[in-house]
Protein backbone atom coordinates (compact mmCIF):
# COMPACT_ATOMS: atom_id res chain seq x y z
CA MET A 1 -13.35 23.46 23.49
CA LYS A 2 -10.69 20.76 22.37
CA ASN A 3 -13.37 18.91 20.88
CA ILE A 4 -13.94 22.87 19.08
CA LEU A 5 -9.87 22.64 18.24
CA SER A 6 -10.43 19.29 17.12
CA ILE A 7 -13.11 19.97 14.51
CA LEU A 8 -10.76 22.97 13.47
CA PHE A 9 -8.25 21.34 12.56
CA MET A 10 -10.47 18.19 11.12
CA ALA A 11 -12.24 21.27 9.14
CA THR A 12 -8.51 22.67 7.97
CA VAL A 13 -6.91 19.10 7.15
CA LEU A 14 -9.96 18.87 4.49
CA LEU A 15 -10.57 21.77 2.91
CA SER A 16 -6.88 21.55 2.70
CA ALA A 17 -6.94 17.90 0.57
CA PRO A 18 -5.93 17.39 -2.72
CA VAL A 19 -9.21 17.42 -5.13
CA HIS A 20 -8.86 15.36 -8.80
CA ALA A 21 -11.26 13.56 -10.30
CA GLU A 22 -12.67 10.33 -10.01
CA ASN A 23 -11.01 8.25 -12.39
CA LYS A 24 -8.11 10.80 -12.97
CA PRO A 25 -4.69 8.84 -11.44
CA VAL A 26 -2.44 11.00 -9.01
CA SER A 27 0.33 11.89 -10.25
CA LYS A 28 2.55 13.11 -7.37
CA PRO A 29 3.83 11.41 -4.88
CA ILE A 30 1.65 9.31 -2.60
CA SER A 31 1.96 8.23 0.89
CA HIS A 32 1.60 4.42 2.10
CA ILE A 33 1.07 4.18 5.34
CA ILE A 34 0.00 0.74 7.48
CA LEU A 35 -0.45 -0.09 11.04
CA VAL A 36 -0.50 -3.37 12.30
CA TRP A 37 -1.39 -5.10 15.51
CA LEU A 38 -0.24 -8.85 15.72
CA LYS A 39 -2.38 -11.51 16.83
CA GLU A 40 -0.13 -11.84 19.77
CA PRO A 41 0.29 -8.19 20.97
CA GLY A 42 3.73 -7.32 21.89
CA ASN A 43 5.12 -10.58 21.18
CA ALA A 44 8.51 -9.27 20.40
CA GLU A 45 9.20 -13.23 18.11
CA MET A 46 6.23 -12.40 16.02
CA ARG A 47 7.35 -8.36 15.74
CA GLN A 48 10.49 -9.47 14.91
CA GLN A 49 9.65 -11.53 11.69
CA PHE A 50 6.94 -9.50 11.12
CA VAL A 51 9.93 -6.77 9.87
CA GLU A 52 12.12 -8.62 8.84
CA ALA A 53 10.01 -10.86 6.02
CA SER A 54 8.44 -7.13 5.56
CA LYS A 55 12.15 -5.41 4.66
CA SER A 56 11.95 -7.97 1.25
CA LEU A 57 9.55 -5.32 -0.44
CA ASN A 58 11.80 -2.86 0.21
CA ASP A 59 13.20 -3.09 -3.84
CA LEU A 60 9.97 -3.88 -5.92
CA PRO A 61 9.41 -0.88 -8.78
CA GLY A 62 8.22 2.34 -7.54
CA ILE A 63 9.24 3.03 -4.44
CA ILE A 64 10.68 6.41 -2.75
CA ASN A 65 11.85 5.76 -0.21
CA ARG A 66 10.15 3.39 2.60
CA HIS A 67 10.41 1.94 6.17
CA VAL A 68 9.13 -0.77 8.72
CA GLY A 69 9.31 -0.21 12.72
CA ILE A 70 7.93 -0.89 15.92
CA SER A 71 6.31 1.66 17.50
CA VAL A 72 7.16 3.20 20.68
CA LYS A 73 5.12 3.71 23.91
CA SER A 74 4.36 7.42 24.63
CA ASN A 75 1.93 9.31 27.38
CA ARG A 76 1.14 12.14 25.35
CA LYS A 77 -2.41 11.25 24.47
CA ILE A 78 -2.46 12.32 20.82
CA VAL A 79 -0.22 9.74 20.36
CA ASP A 80 -1.73 5.63 19.05
CA ASP A 81 0.21 3.39 20.48
CA SER A 82 -1.76 0.55 20.31
CA PHE A 83 -1.22 -0.64 17.50
CA ASP A 84 2.54 -3.20 16.95
CA VAL A 85 4.56 -2.43 14.02
CA ALA A 86 4.18 0.15 11.63
CA VAL A 87 5.38 0.63 7.68
CA THR A 88 5.17 3.75 5.52
CA VAL A 89 5.99 3.73 1.85
CA THR A 90 6.09 6.53 -0.51
CA LEU A 91 5.30 5.47 -4.29
CA LYS A 92 6.07 7.90 -7.49
CA ASP A 93 2.07 8.06 -7.73
CA GLU A 94 -1.16 6.48 -8.15
CA ALA A 95 -0.14 3.98 -10.38
CA ALA A 96 3.43 2.75 -8.85
CA LEU A 97 0.96 2.58 -5.90
CA LYS A 98 -1.52 -0.36 -7.82
CA ALA A 99 1.44 -1.95 -8.85
CA TYR A 100 3.64 -2.67 -5.40
CA MET A 101 -0.11 -3.48 -4.36
CA ASN A 102 -0.61 -5.67 -6.86
CA HIS A 103 3.14 -6.89 -7.59
CA PRO A 104 3.95 -10.72 -6.96
CA LYS A 105 6.43 -10.41 -4.85
CA HIS A 106 3.86 -8.76 -2.64
CA LYS A 107 1.13 -10.90 -2.99
CA GLN A 108 3.21 -13.67 -1.57
CA ILE A 109 5.08 -12.19 1.37
CA VAL A 110 1.74 -10.42 2.44
CA HIS A 111 0.28 -13.70 2.35
CA ASP A 112 2.79 -16.79 2.96
CA LYS A 113 4.29 -14.58 5.51
CA LEU A 114 2.66 -10.92 7.01
CA LYS A 115 -1.16 -11.66 6.96
CA PRO A 116 -0.93 -15.03 9.51
CA LEU A 117 1.37 -12.86 12.44
CA VAL A 118 -1.85 -10.66 11.71
CA GLY A 119 -4.56 -9.36 14.02
CA LYS A 120 -5.51 -5.97 12.68
CA ILE A 121 -4.55 -4.57 9.90
CA ILE A 122 -5.52 -0.24 9.38
CA ALA A 123 -4.30 1.12 5.96
CA TYR A 124 -3.75 5.14 5.35
CA ASP A 125 -3.59 6.36 1.69
CA PHE A 126 -2.31 10.39 0.89
CA VAL A 127 -1.13 12.90 -1.39
CA SER A 128 0.46 16.01 -0.53
CA PRO A 129 -1.60 19.39 -1.95
């Protein structure tokens, strides 16, 4: 039963996703979510270094909202609390996301301060229908 509910949920999500031409930029706000596992999982000092360095990107152009925080431990089966740090960024549109990713300050902070702390990273980008 749980598998059927999971399949139905995913089908609903996929069928309600916006469809747009590959070469047509998305002109709606885009959410950019990053989950980070540190090289030393649970290391509070590394986690704080990541959070502070990441906050320095809050003022880049095109950002509607940006938040960085740490994982909340949970006993709920649906919650993945295995990561150390998460970053959520809402940007004006796809062009703003591309500009954010290519901004020299973003590249410098990621390369010099964040990447040395990271063991694994996963990103999710999505637009609301």
